[in-house]
Amino acid sequence: MVFMGWEQLPWYWYGFDQFWFAAIMVLLAPGLLGFVFGWLAFRSRVTGVYLSIISQAMTFALMLAFFRSEMGFGGDTGLTDFREILGFNIAASETRLVLFMVSAVALAAGYLICRMVVRSRAGRVLTAVRDAEPRARSLGYRTDHYKVWVWTLSAMLAGVAGALYVPQVGIINPSEFSPLSSIEAVVWVAVGGRGTLYGAALGGVLVNYAQTVFTAMFAELWLFVLGGLFVAVTLFFPRGLVGLIRRREKKS
């Protein structure tokens, strides 16, 4: 096999021909990266807009690094020509249906995990850290430990999402590291409803549906629509669609 002119794959690709190994790395690789970044950032008490800038800077740096062919991940072309998964043809409608169902199950599992976290003692501490971190720290809680833990968990959930995204799309390239992807995720949460779990999922479905419609009709205007949607929701519906629905239920 020859990949990008290489007759032998780099050492870090060893083992990925086995499904069980790849499944473990789906959780381990992003979890380890998230833990290292979170440990360095939160131990230094980087918060707020500074954390956002640093995380986006790291994402952009990784994008530039992965665009280099020497990294062994396909360069600007990325990884393409995905044909099979566990011996099944990815292009077959039956396989795509199964992948969709697995994605739905993964979404439900992720929701339940996050719900358990929110309702746990650690979740209450995280809420306190969000609302008043200095006060939580003064009460003796190691707030940096809690933040590193939840940051690592979110990285692992993102790894599962990415692993399910690639076989359904059929291609992955470094442009997925673009800060635009992070901005879109923020818009999902804003549209669906901040402070809720199902609001983020609802916002993701609605925003991606809007993207499908607008890019088909006015592809060059989508970014302006996305920015305008975020501004409009922030100004007029700060709690998103979930907050709007709850407000109407209270009135009725």
Protein backbone atom coordinates (compact mmCIF):
# COMPACT_ATOMS: atom_id res chain seq x y z
CA MET A 1 0.00 0.00 0.00
CA VAL A 2 1.24 3.49 -0.85
CA PHE A 3 -0.14 6.54 0.94
CA MET A 4 0.96 9.97 -0.27
CA GLY A 5 4.02 8.37 -1.83
CA TRP A 6 4.97 6.61 1.42
CA GLU A 7 5.54 2.89 1.22
CA GLN A 8 5.29 2.58 5.00
CA LEU A 9 2.86 4.37 7.27
CA PRO A 10 4.13 6.44 10.22
CA TRP A 11 4.36 4.70 13.58
CA TYR A 12 1.33 6.53 14.96
CA TRP A 13 -0.91 4.79 12.44
CA TYR A 14 -0.02 1.35 13.77
CA GLY A 15 -3.00 -0.47 15.21
CA PHE A 16 -5.66 1.55 13.44
CA ASP A 17 -6.36 -1.34 11.11
CA GLN A 18 -8.10 -2.94 14.10
CA PHE A 19 -11.57 -1.61 14.95
CA TRP A 20 -11.21 -2.11 18.71
CA PHE A 21 -7.98 -0.13 18.78
CA ALA A 22 -9.47 2.70 16.72
CA ALA A 23 -12.54 2.78 19.01
CA ILE A 24 -10.32 3.15 22.08
CA MET A 25 -8.30 5.91 20.46
CA VAL A 26 -11.51 7.78 19.58
CA LEU A 27 -11.84 8.40 23.32
CA LEU A 28 -8.21 8.32 24.42
CA ALA A 29 -6.63 10.69 21.88
CA PRO A 30 -9.01 13.68 22.28
CA GLY A 31 -9.31 12.98 25.99
CA LEU A 32 -5.55 13.13 26.46
CA LEU A 33 -5.24 16.28 24.35
CA GLY A 34 -8.10 17.90 26.24
CA PHE A 35 -6.60 16.93 29.59
CA VAL A 36 -3.19 18.39 28.77
CA PHE A 37 -4.63 21.64 27.45
CA GLY A 38 -7.11 21.93 30.30
CA TRP A 39 -4.48 21.21 32.93
CA LEU A 40 -2.16 23.89 31.59
CA ALA A 41 -4.93 26.45 31.08
CA PHE A 42 -6.96 25.99 34.24
CA ARG A 43 -3.96 25.56 36.51
CA SER A 44 -2.89 28.98 35.26
CA ARG A 45 -6.42 30.26 35.96
CA VAL A 46 -7.06 31.27 32.38
CA THR A 47 -10.76 32.06 32.08
CA GLY A 48 -13.31 34.00 30.07
CA VAL A 49 -12.40 35.54 26.77
CA TYR A 50 -8.72 34.65 27.29
CA LEU A 51 -9.57 30.96 27.39
CA SER A 52 -11.59 31.35 24.20
CA ILE A 53 -8.71 33.09 22.45
CA ILE A 54 -6.15 30.51 23.55
CA SER A 55 -8.33 27.56 22.59
CA GLN A 56 -9.06 29.05 19.17
CA ALA A 57 -5.38 29.85 18.69
CA MET A 58 -4.46 26.25 19.45
CA THR A 59 -7.13 25.01 17.05
CA PHE A 60 -5.83 27.28 14.30
CA ALA A 61 -2.25 26.17 14.97
CA LEU A 62 -3.31 22.53 14.68
CA MET A 63 -5.08 23.30 11.43
CA LEU A 64 -1.92 24.82 9.97
CA ALA A 65 0.15 21.89 11.21
CA PHE A 66 -2.19 19.26 9.75
CA PHE A 67 -2.17 21.05 6.39
CA ARG A 68 1.48 20.01 6.12
CA SER A 69 1.91 16.74 4.26
CA GLU A 70 4.76 15.78 6.58
CA MET A 71 2.24 15.21 9.36
CA GLY A 72 1.04 12.10 7.58
CA PHE A 73 -2.68 12.92 7.62
CA GLY A 74 -3.17 13.74 3.94
CA GLY A 75 -2.18 17.40 3.95
CA ASP A 76 -4.74 19.80 2.51
CA THR A 77 -6.54 16.88 0.84
CA GLY A 78 -7.08 15.11 4.12
CA LEU A 79 -8.22 11.53 4.42
CA THR A 80 -10.56 10.38 1.69
CA ASP A 81 -11.81 7.26 -0.06
CA PHE A 82 -13.45 5.67 2.96
CA ARG A 83 -15.11 2.56 1.57
CA GLU A 84 -15.77 0.05 4.31
CA ILE A 85 -16.46 -0.16 8.01
CA LEU A 86 -16.36 -3.56 9.66
CA GLY A 87 -16.56 -5.10 6.19
CA PHE A 88 -19.71 -3.21 5.17
CA ASN A 89 -19.83 -0.83 2.23
CA ILE A 90 -20.15 2.73 3.55
CA ALA A 91 -21.99 3.88 0.42
CA ALA A 92 -24.74 1.27 0.86
CA SER A 93 -28.04 2.69 2.05
CA GLU A 94 -28.31 0.03 4.75
CA THR A 95 -24.92 0.98 6.19
CA ARG A 96 -25.76 4.67 6.14
CA LEU A 97 -29.02 3.94 7.95
CA VAL A 98 -27.17 1.98 10.63
CA LEU A 99 -24.63 4.79 11.03
CA PHE A 100 -27.48 7.27 11.43
CA MET A 101 -29.09 5.08 14.08
CA VAL A 102 -25.77 4.70 15.89
CA SER A 103 -25.39 8.48 15.83
CA ALA A 104 -28.86 8.86 17.38
CA VAL A 105 -27.98 6.33 20.08
CA ALA A 106 -24.68 8.13 20.74
CA LEU A 107 -26.54 11.45 21.05
CA ALA A 108 -28.95 9.91 23.55
CA ALA A 109 -26.10 8.34 25.51
CA GLY A 110 -24.19 11.63 25.55
CA TYR A 111 -27.30 13.41 26.78
CA LEU A 112 -27.79 10.91 29.60
CA ILE A 113 -24.13 11.16 30.63
CA CYS A 114 -24.29 14.94 30.71
CA ARG A 115 -27.58 14.81 32.62
CA MET A 116 -26.00 12.55 35.23
CA VAL A 117 -23.09 14.96 35.53
CA VAL A 118 -25.35 17.99 35.91
CA ARG A 119 -27.42 16.32 38.63
CA SER A 120 -24.43 14.99 40.54
CA ARG A 121 -22.52 16.71 43.30
CA ALA A 122 -19.75 17.53 40.83
CA GLY A 123 -22.34 19.12 38.58
CA ARG A 124 -23.53 21.38 41.37
CA VAL A 125 -19.94 22.39 42.02
CA LEU A 126 -19.48 23.16 38.33
CA THR A 127 -22.60 25.34 38.43
CA ALA A 128 -21.11 27.19 41.39
CA VAL A 129 -17.84 27.58 39.49
CA ARG A 130 -19.74 29.00 36.52
CA ASP A 131 -21.69 31.48 38.61
CA ALA A 132 -19.07 32.49 41.21
CA GLU A 133 -15.73 30.73 40.90
CA PRO A 134 -13.89 32.86 43.52
CA ARG A 135 -16.57 32.03 46.08
CA ALA A 136 -16.41 28.31 45.25
CA ARG A 137 -12.64 28.43 45.56
CA SER A 138 -12.89 30.19 48.91
CA LEU A 139 -15.08 27.34 50.17
CA GLY A 140 -12.21 24.94 49.58
CA TYR A 141 -13.12 23.43 46.22
CA ARG A 142 -10.29 22.80 43.76
CA THR A 143 -12.11 24.47 40.91
CA ASP A 144 -9.31 23.80 38.45
CA HIS A 145 -9.70 20.04 39.00
CA TYR A 146 -13.42 20.18 38.25
CA LYS A 147 -12.88 22.24 35.13
CA VAL A 148 -10.15 19.96 33.83
CA TRP A 149 -12.39 16.96 34.41
CA VAL A 150 -15.41 18.35 32.55
CA TRP A 151 -13.16 19.74 29.79
CA THR A 152 -11.68 16.26 29.25
CA LEU A 153 -15.14 14.70 29.21
CA SER A 154 -16.31 17.17 26.58
CA ALA A 155 -13.25 16.40 24.46
CA MET A 156 -14.07 12.68 24.58
CA LEU A 157 -17.67 13.35 23.57
CA ALA A 158 -16.40 15.45 20.67
CA GLY A 159 -14.13 12.56 19.66
CA VAL A 160 -17.12 10.21 19.44
CA ALA A 161 -19.00 12.80 17.36
CA GLY A 162 -16.07 13.11 14.98
CA ALA A 163 -15.72 9.35 14.62
CA LEU A 164 -19.37 9.09 13.59
CA TYR A 165 -19.18 12.16 11.33
CA VAL A 166 -16.34 10.97 9.09
CA PRO A 167 -17.76 7.69 7.73
CA GLN A 168 -21.07 9.38 6.94
CA VAL A 169 -19.43 12.27 5.09
CA GLY A 170 -16.66 10.18 3.56
CA ILE A 171 -13.87 12.72 3.93
CA ILE A 172 -12.02 14.60 6.65
CA ASN A 173 -9.45 17.34 6.10
CA PRO A 174 -7.73 19.97 8.26
CA SER A 175 -10.31 22.61 7.36
CA GLU A 176 -12.51 21.01 10.03
CA PHE A 177 -10.13 22.65 12.54
CA SER A 178 -11.37 26.03 11.33
CA PRO A 179 -12.57 28.35 14.12
CA LEU A 180 -15.82 28.63 12.17
CA SER A 181 -16.78 25.16 13.44
CA SER A 182 -16.40 26.34 17.03
CA ILE A 183 -18.42 29.46 16.29
CA GLU A 184 -21.20 27.35 14.79
CA ALA A 185 -21.34 25.25 17.97
CA VAL A 186 -21.75 28.43 20.01
CA VAL A 187 -24.60 29.49 17.73
CA TRP A 188 -26.26 26.09 18.21
CA VAL A 189 -26.29 26.62 21.96
CA ALA A 190 -27.47 30.22 21.68
CA VAL A 191 -30.33 29.34 19.34
CA GLY A 192 -31.42 26.24 21.23
CA GLY A 193 -31.10 27.64 24.71
CA ARG A 194 -28.19 28.27 27.03
CA GLY A 195 -28.16 26.44 30.33
CA THR A 196 -29.99 23.41 28.93
CA LEU A 197 -28.81 20.13 27.48
CA TYR A 198 -31.51 19.43 24.91
CA GLY A 199 -31.43 23.06 23.80
CA ALA A 200 -27.97 22.57 22.29
CA ALA A 201 -29.14 19.52 20.33
CA LEU A 202 -32.25 21.36 19.14
CA GLY A 203 -30.18 24.34 18.09
CA GLY A 204 -27.76 22.08 16.21
CA VAL A 205 -30.58 20.52 14.19
CA LEU A 206 -32.20 23.86 13.35
CA VAL A 207 -29.00 25.71 12.46
CA ASN A 208 -27.73 22.87 10.27
CA TYR A 209 -31.09 22.69 8.51
CA ALA A 210 -30.90 26.43 7.91
CA GLN A 211 -27.36 25.97 6.59
CA THR A 212 -28.56 23.33 4.13
CA VAL A 213 -31.31 25.62 2.86
CA PHE A 214 -29.29 28.83 2.63
CA THR A 215 -26.15 27.32 1.14
CA ALA A 216 -28.28 25.77 -1.58
CA MET A 217 -29.87 29.12 -2.49
CA PHE A 218 -27.36 31.78 -1.37
CA ALA A 219 -24.08 30.05 -0.55
CA GLU A 220 -22.09 33.26 -0.28
CA LEU A 221 -24.52 34.75 2.26
CA TRP A 222 -24.53 31.92 4.79
CA LEU A 223 -21.84 33.39 7.06
CA PHE A 224 -23.75 36.68 7.24
CA VAL A 225 -26.94 34.80 8.04
CA LEU A 226 -25.14 32.84 10.76
CA GLY A 227 -23.75 36.00 12.35
CA GLY A 228 -27.08 37.80 12.10
CA LEU A 229 -28.87 34.82 13.66
CA PHE A 230 -26.49 34.83 16.61
CA VAL A 231 -26.89 38.58 17.17
CA ALA A 232 -30.68 38.41 16.87
CA VAL A 233 -31.00 35.53 19.32
CA THR A 234 -28.62 37.17 21.80
CA LEU A 235 -30.51 40.47 21.73
CA PHE A 236 -34.14 39.33 21.56
CA PHE A 237 -34.14 35.72 22.83
CA PRO A 238 -31.23 35.42 25.29
CA ARG A 239 -32.57 32.06 26.53
CA GLY A 240 -33.03 30.72 23.02
CA LEU A 241 -35.95 28.68 21.76
CA VAL A 242 -36.17 26.67 24.96
CA GLY A 243 -36.54 29.84 27.01
CA LEU A 244 -39.17 31.14 24.59
CA ILE A 245 -41.17 27.92 24.88
CA ARG A 246 -40.94 27.95 28.68
CA ARG A 247 -42.10 31.58 28.77
CA ARG A 248 -45.17 30.75 26.72
CA GLU A 249 -45.95 27.74 28.91
CA LYS A 250 -45.88 29.93 32.01
CA LYS A 251 -48.23 32.47 30.42
CA SER A 252 -50.66 29.74 29.43
